Amino acid sequence: MSDINISESTIRRNANAKSFQRGEHYYRIGAVLSIIQRGDEITGEVEGSSEEQTYRVTIGYDNAQLTAICTCPYNYDGWIVVNQNIIVMQLNG
């Protein structure tokens, strides 16, 4: 199993400023509840803005292509696959 390394510049390039800022905040407060890497896929749970909200995030890396899915109700204000929960998972990786 190889580590998936995603640079901060890649995250910034593919996210809008608001989502990146929120993702950094979630990272600082420790909102990632779990993170598991299996092969070229990372899955985890991120606590939302209230303790009752937990979202599942999956980040895949295949042939130099990143994909990401989150169960939150994000309205896609920016790059379609990057929201604050995905960002916090990438920053934790």
Protein backbone atom coordinates (compact mmCIF):
# COMPACT_ATOMS: atom_id res chain seq x y z
CA MET A 1 0.00 0.00 0.00
CA SER A 2 1.38 3.39 -0.97
CA ASP A 3 0.62 6.63 0.79
CA ILE A 4 -1.60 9.07 -1.03
CA ASN A 5 0.08 12.47 -0.88
CA ILE A 6 -2.01 15.45 -1.90
CA SER A 7 -0.24 18.79 -1.72
CA GLU A 8 -1.87 21.83 -0.19
CA SER A 9 -1.41 23.65 -3.49
CA THR A 10 -3.43 20.93 -5.26
CA ILE A 11 -6.20 21.26 -2.69
CA ARG A 12 -6.21 25.06 -3.00
CA ARG A 13 -6.21 24.90 -6.80
CA ASN A 14 -9.31 22.70 -6.80
CA ALA A 15 -11.34 24.39 -4.05
CA ASN A 16 -12.92 27.75 -3.61
CA ALA A 17 -11.56 30.02 -0.86
CA LYS A 18 -14.57 29.61 1.44
CA SER A 19 -14.47 25.81 1.37
CA PHE A 20 -10.71 25.77 1.93
CA GLN A 21 -11.04 28.14 4.89
CA ARG A 22 -13.77 26.00 6.47
CA GLY A 23 -11.74 22.84 5.83
CA GLU A 24 -8.72 24.38 7.57
CA HIS A 25 -10.91 25.32 10.53
CA TYR A 26 -12.30 21.77 10.78
CA TYR A 27 -8.71 20.48 10.61
CA ARG A 28 -7.58 22.77 13.46
CA ILE A 29 -10.46 21.72 15.73
CA GLY A 30 -9.95 18.02 15.05
CA ALA A 31 -13.22 17.35 13.20
CA VAL A 32 -11.93 14.18 11.52
CA LEU A 33 -13.36 11.35 13.61
CA SER A 34 -11.81 8.48 11.67
CA ILE A 35 -9.58 7.97 8.65
CA ILE A 36 -8.65 4.70 6.96
CA GLN A 37 -6.57 4.09 3.85
CA ARG A 38 -7.05 0.94 1.82
CA GLY A 39 -4.98 0.80 -1.31
CA ASP A 40 -5.59 3.95 -3.32
CA GLU A 41 -8.69 4.99 -1.37
CA ILE A 42 -9.10 6.97 1.85
CA THR A 43 -12.37 6.90 3.76
CA GLY A 44 -13.28 8.75 6.88
CA GLU A 45 -15.88 10.50 8.95
CA VAL A 46 -15.92 14.23 9.57
CA GLU A 47 -17.97 15.97 12.23
CA GLY A 48 -20.11 18.74 10.76
CA SER A 49 -20.97 22.10 12.27
CA SER A 50 -22.91 20.41 15.08
CA GLU A 51 -22.05 17.21 16.91
CA GLU A 52 -25.14 15.50 15.50
CA GLN A 53 -23.85 15.89 11.93
CA THR A 54 -21.32 13.32 10.76
CA TYR A 55 -20.39 13.00 7.10
CA ARG A 56 -18.65 10.18 5.29
CA VAL A 57 -15.88 11.17 2.89
CA THR A 58 -14.20 8.97 0.30
CA ILE A 59 -11.13 10.12 -1.63
CA GLY A 60 -9.74 7.96 -4.41
CA TYR A 61 -6.53 8.16 -6.37
CA ASP A 62 -6.24 6.20 -9.59
CA ASN A 63 -3.85 6.82 -12.47
CA ALA A 64 -2.95 10.29 -11.13
CA GLN A 65 -6.67 11.22 -11.01
CA LEU A 66 -8.29 12.28 -7.74
CA THR A 67 -11.95 11.66 -7.04
CA ALA A 68 -13.85 12.61 -3.92
CA ILE A 69 -17.34 12.03 -2.57
CA CYS A 70 -18.98 13.41 0.58
CA THR A 71 -22.40 12.71 2.07
CA CYS A 72 -22.95 16.30 3.23
CA PRO A 73 -25.56 18.57 1.58
CA TYR A 74 -22.90 20.81 0.00
CA ASN A 75 -24.27 23.00 -2.80
CA TYR A 76 -21.14 22.84 -5.00
CA ASP A 77 -20.03 26.46 -4.70
CA GLY A 78 -16.71 25.83 -6.38
CA TRP A 79 -15.02 22.76 -7.78
CA ILE A 80 -17.68 20.08 -7.86
CA VAL A 81 -15.93 17.50 -5.69
CA VAL A 82 -14.22 19.65 -3.07
CA ASN A 83 -16.05 20.85 0.00
CA GLN A 84 -14.80 21.57 3.50
CA ASN A 85 -15.18 17.95 4.64
CA ILE A 86 -13.12 16.65 1.75
CA ILE A 87 -10.51 19.37 2.37
CA VAL A 88 -10.15 18.48 6.05
CA MET A 89 -9.66 14.82 5.11
CA GLN A 90 -6.98 15.81 2.57
CA LEU A 91 -5.22 18.04 5.11
CA ASN A 92 -5.19 15.14 7.57
CA GLY A 93 -3.71 12.77 5.00
